[in-house]
Protein backbone atom coordinates (compact mmCIF):
# COMPACT_ATOMS: atom_id res chain seq x y z
CA MET A 1 -50.79 -79.98 78.60
CA THR A 2 -53.55 -81.86 76.56
CA GLU A 3 -54.02 -85.56 76.81
CA ILE A 4 -52.57 -86.99 74.06
CA GLU A 5 -49.02 -84.90 74.87
CA LYS A 6 -49.45 -86.57 78.65
CA LYS A 7 -46.87 -89.50 79.11
CA PRO A 8 -48.51 -92.51 80.36
CA GLU A 9 -48.67 -93.26 84.20
CA ILE A 10 -46.37 -95.78 84.52
CA LYS A 11 -46.20 -97.28 87.63
CA VAL A 12 -43.38 -100.75 89.59
CA GLU A 13 -45.63 -102.91 91.30
CA ASN A 14 -43.18 -105.79 91.76
CA VAL A 15 -39.60 -106.46 91.16
CA VAL A 16 -38.04 -109.69 91.84
CA ALA A 17 -34.25 -109.96 91.86
CA SER A 18 -32.47 -113.26 92.51
CA ALA A 19 -29.10 -113.11 94.56
CA SER A 20 -26.28 -115.23 95.80
CA LEU A 21 -23.42 -115.49 98.21
CA GLU A 22 -20.08 -117.77 97.11
CA HIS A 23 -21.36 -120.84 100.14
CA GLY A 24 -23.93 -122.55 101.60
CA ILE A 25 -25.89 -121.26 104.70
CA ASP A 26 -27.10 -123.53 107.74
CA LEU A 27 -30.76 -122.37 107.79
CA GLN A 28 -31.71 -124.21 111.53
CA ALA A 29 -29.01 -121.24 112.78
CA VAL A 30 -30.60 -118.20 111.31
CA VAL A 31 -33.71 -120.18 112.81
CA LYS A 32 -32.26 -119.95 116.06
CA ALA A 33 -30.31 -116.32 115.44
CA LEU A 34 -33.97 -114.65 113.89
CA PRO A 35 -36.73 -116.69 115.46
CA VAL A 36 -39.02 -114.02 112.76
CA VAL A 37 -38.32 -115.52 109.80
CA GLU A 38 -40.75 -118.69 108.70
CA TYR A 39 -39.59 -122.12 108.11
CA ARG A 40 -41.04 -125.24 107.08
CA PRO A 41 -38.99 -127.50 105.38
CA ASP A 42 -41.38 -129.72 105.30
CA VAL A 43 -43.55 -127.69 102.95
CA PHE A 44 -41.09 -125.08 101.39
CA PRO A 45 -37.02 -126.15 101.36
CA GLY A 46 -35.85 -121.72 101.82
CA LEU A 47 -36.92 -119.57 104.98
CA VAL A 48 -38.90 -116.15 104.19
CA TYR A 49 -37.67 -113.36 105.84
CA ARG A 50 -39.88 -110.22 105.48
CA THR A 51 -38.19 -106.55 105.94
CA LYS A 52 -40.18 -103.82 106.29
CA ARG A 53 -38.29 -101.02 104.34
CA PRO A 54 -38.41 -101.79 101.98
CA ARG A 55 -41.26 -103.95 102.20
CA THR A 56 -39.78 -107.19 100.45
CA ALA A 57 -40.68 -111.12 101.62
CA ASN A 58 -37.16 -113.08 100.47
CA LEU A 59 -36.48 -116.38 99.75
CA VAL A 60 -33.29 -117.73 101.25
CA PHE A 61 -32.81 -120.85 100.69
CA ARG A 62 -29.37 -123.66 101.31
CA THR A 63 -27.44 -123.32 99.06
CA GLY A 64 -26.45 -119.61 99.93
CA LYS A 65 -28.86 -118.23 97.29
CA MET A 66 -31.94 -115.66 97.80
CA VAL A 67 -35.25 -114.10 96.00
CA CYS A 68 -35.91 -111.27 96.59
CA THR A 69 -39.70 -110.16 96.31
CA GLY A 70 -42.54 -107.39 96.66
CA ALA A 71 -39.77 -104.75 95.85
CA LYS A 72 -41.32 -101.54 94.11
CA SER A 73 -38.14 -100.76 92.22
CA GLU A 74 -34.40 -102.24 91.27
CA LYS A 75 -33.01 -99.69 94.19
CA GLU A 76 -35.39 -101.33 96.75
CA ALA A 77 -34.82 -105.12 95.24
CA ARG A 78 -30.23 -104.63 95.83
CA ARG A 79 -31.01 -103.07 99.13
CA ALA A 80 -33.81 -105.69 100.93
CA LEU A 81 -31.10 -108.17 99.82
CA LYS A 82 -28.13 -106.48 101.25
CA LYS A 83 -30.18 -105.54 104.27
CA VAL A 84 -30.48 -109.48 104.47
CA VAL A 85 -27.37 -109.73 104.46
CA ARG A 86 -26.40 -107.70 107.18
CA LYS A 87 -28.90 -109.06 109.52
CA LEU A 88 -27.49 -112.77 108.83
CA LYS A 89 -24.25 -110.98 109.77
CA LYS A 90 -25.05 -109.25 112.83
CA THR A 91 -26.23 -112.53 113.92
CA GLY A 92 -22.74 -113.41 114.18
CA MET A 93 -22.83 -116.28 110.83
CA VAL A 94 -19.91 -116.06 108.78
CA ILE A 95 -20.77 -114.60 105.16
CA HIS A 96 -17.86 -114.93 102.67
CA GLY A 97 -17.19 -112.90 99.82
CA LYS A 98 -19.67 -111.00 97.73
CA LEU A 99 -23.52 -110.45 96.98
CA HIS A 100 -24.38 -110.80 93.20
CA ILE A 101 -27.86 -109.66 92.55
CA LYS A 102 -29.18 -109.42 88.99
CA ILE A 103 -32.94 -108.52 88.70
CA GLN A 104 -35.32 -110.97 87.45
CA ASN A 105 -38.21 -109.56 86.01
CA ILE A 106 -40.31 -106.46 86.72
CA VAL A 107 -43.88 -105.74 86.64
CA ALA A 108 -45.16 -101.97 86.14
CA SER A 109 -49.85 -101.44 85.83
CA VAL A 110 -49.45 -98.67 83.22
CA VAL A 111 -52.46 -96.10 82.02
CA LEU A 112 -51.99 -95.17 78.43
CA GLY A 113 -55.09 -91.65 78.90
CA GLY A 114 -57.51 -93.94 75.92
CA ARG A 115 -59.30 -96.24 74.96
CA VAL A 116 -57.33 -99.12 72.89
CA ASP A 117 -59.12 -100.52 69.90
CA LEU A 118 -58.01 -103.69 70.17
CA GLU A 119 -59.37 -105.90 67.65
CA GLY A 120 -57.46 -102.88 65.24
CA PHE A 121 -54.59 -103.01 66.75
CA TYR A 122 -54.36 -107.19 66.64
CA LYS A 123 -55.49 -106.70 62.74
CA MET A 124 -52.60 -104.13 61.96
CA GLY A 125 -49.97 -106.25 63.57
CA GLY A 126 -50.27 -108.51 60.95
CA GLU A 127 -49.87 -105.58 58.54
CA VAL A 128 -46.83 -103.82 60.42
CA ASP A 129 -44.08 -105.15 61.71
CA LEU A 130 -44.60 -104.07 65.44
CA GLY A 131 -41.02 -106.15 66.36
CA GLY A 132 -42.98 -108.98 68.56
CA ARG A 133 -46.14 -111.40 68.26
CA ILE A 134 -49.57 -110.21 69.26
CA MET A 135 -52.31 -112.60 70.10
CA TYR A 136 -55.56 -111.87 70.70
CA GLU A 137 -58.66 -114.03 71.74
CA PRO A 138 -61.65 -112.42 73.06
CA GLU A 139 -63.21 -115.30 74.31
CA GLN A 140 -60.46 -116.70 76.26
CA PHE A 141 -58.34 -113.01 77.73
CA PRO A 142 -60.18 -109.71 77.77
CA GLY A 143 -56.64 -108.26 76.22
CA VAL A 144 -54.02 -108.20 73.55
CA ILE A 145 -50.81 -110.14 74.36
CA TYR A 146 -47.89 -107.91 72.91
CA ARG A 147 -44.48 -109.74 73.11
CA MET A 148 -42.11 -107.29 72.10
CA GLU A 149 -38.69 -108.07 71.22
CA ASP A 150 -37.00 -105.24 71.38
CA PRO A 151 -36.77 -104.39 75.00
CA GLN A 152 -37.67 -107.74 75.71
CA THR A 153 -41.29 -107.72 77.70
CA VAL A 154 -44.85 -109.21 77.43
CA ILE A 155 -47.21 -106.62 77.54
CA LEU A 156 -50.81 -107.11 78.77
CA ILE A 157 -53.55 -104.58 76.66
CA PHE A 158 -56.92 -103.95 77.87
CA SER A 159 -58.88 -101.38 76.04
CA SER A 160 -59.55 -99.05 79.13
CA GLY A 161 -55.41 -98.14 78.14
CA LYS A 162 -54.71 -100.07 80.82
CA LEU A 163 -51.53 -102.07 80.72
CA VAL A 164 -49.54 -104.47 82.51
CA CYS A 165 -45.95 -105.02 81.71
CA THR A 166 -43.38 -107.87 82.98
CA GLY A 167 -40.28 -109.74 82.10
CA ALA A 168 -38.34 -106.18 81.65
CA LYS A 169 -34.95 -106.87 83.56
CA LYS A 170 -34.41 -102.53 83.74
CA GLU A 171 -37.27 -100.07 84.53
CA GLU A 172 -35.16 -98.08 82.35
CA ASP A 173 -36.95 -101.33 79.88
CA VAL A 174 -40.32 -100.73 80.67
CA ASN A 175 -40.57 -97.08 79.89
CA GLN A 176 -39.31 -97.75 76.75
CA ALA A 177 -41.44 -100.41 75.78
CA VAL A 178 -45.15 -98.80 77.43
CA MET A 179 -43.08 -95.38 75.31
CA LYS A 180 -42.67 -97.81 72.07
CA LEU A 181 -46.18 -99.55 72.32
CA ARG A 182 -48.33 -95.94 72.44
CA GLN A 183 -46.24 -94.23 69.75
CA GLU A 184 -46.74 -97.92 67.10
CA LEU A 185 -50.98 -97.14 68.98
CA ASP A 186 -50.88 -93.36 68.02
CA GLU A 187 -49.07 -93.85 64.79
CA ASN A 188 -51.85 -96.88 63.73
CA ASP A 189 -55.02 -94.72 65.19
CA ALA A 190 -55.25 -97.39 67.44
CA ILE A 191 -56.21 -95.37 70.67
CA ILE A 192 -58.99 -93.01 71.57
CA TYR A 193 -57.81 -90.06 73.62
CA ASN A 194 -59.74 -88.91 76.71
CA ALA A 195 -61.57 -85.97 76.29
CA PRO A 196 -59.38 -82.79 77.95
C-alpha cells in the first residue's frame, strides 16, 4: 500500500454529551451519599463526578441536567452517563423516567500522511465551491480554518498535514468530513505526500 492509498489516521480525543433526567436532583444528598464527588457551589453550580472506566468527568446539576466530557467515543460517553445514574440509584436516590442523552461535540485529531499547501488550498477555496467557508490569516493563526457545511464541522488544517476536526455530532461525520477534505486536497494538488 503506497502512502497515497493510506487512509488518514483519525483519533477521537474528546466527546461531549449532555443528558437530562425528567426531574431535579438534590446535590447535597449526592455529596453525602458519594463523598468522592467534587462540589463547590460557591465556585460552580454543579458537582463533578469522575468515572475511571471510561475515564470521564461528569457534571451534574440540580435541574437533572448532566454533561459528560473526556470520553473517547459516543459509546463511552453514553456508558459514563448511564453509570452515573446507576450510581445515584444505588445510593438510594429515586430516579424517574429515562435518561435522554445527546452528543454535543466530537473533537478528533487527524494525520493525513502528507504536507498541505495552505496558501494553495486557501486560494483554491475562492475558485472552487468547497461547500464551506475558508479562513487563513497566518499572522494570527498558523493554520487554515475550514467551516465545512456538510457534514457540519470545523477543521483546523496545518501545513504538517495534521488536522483538528470539531463540531461533529457523530463519529461517522468526522470520518466523512476528513475524507471529503482529503479528496479536495488531492484533486487540487494541495497535498504533498511523504515518500513511501
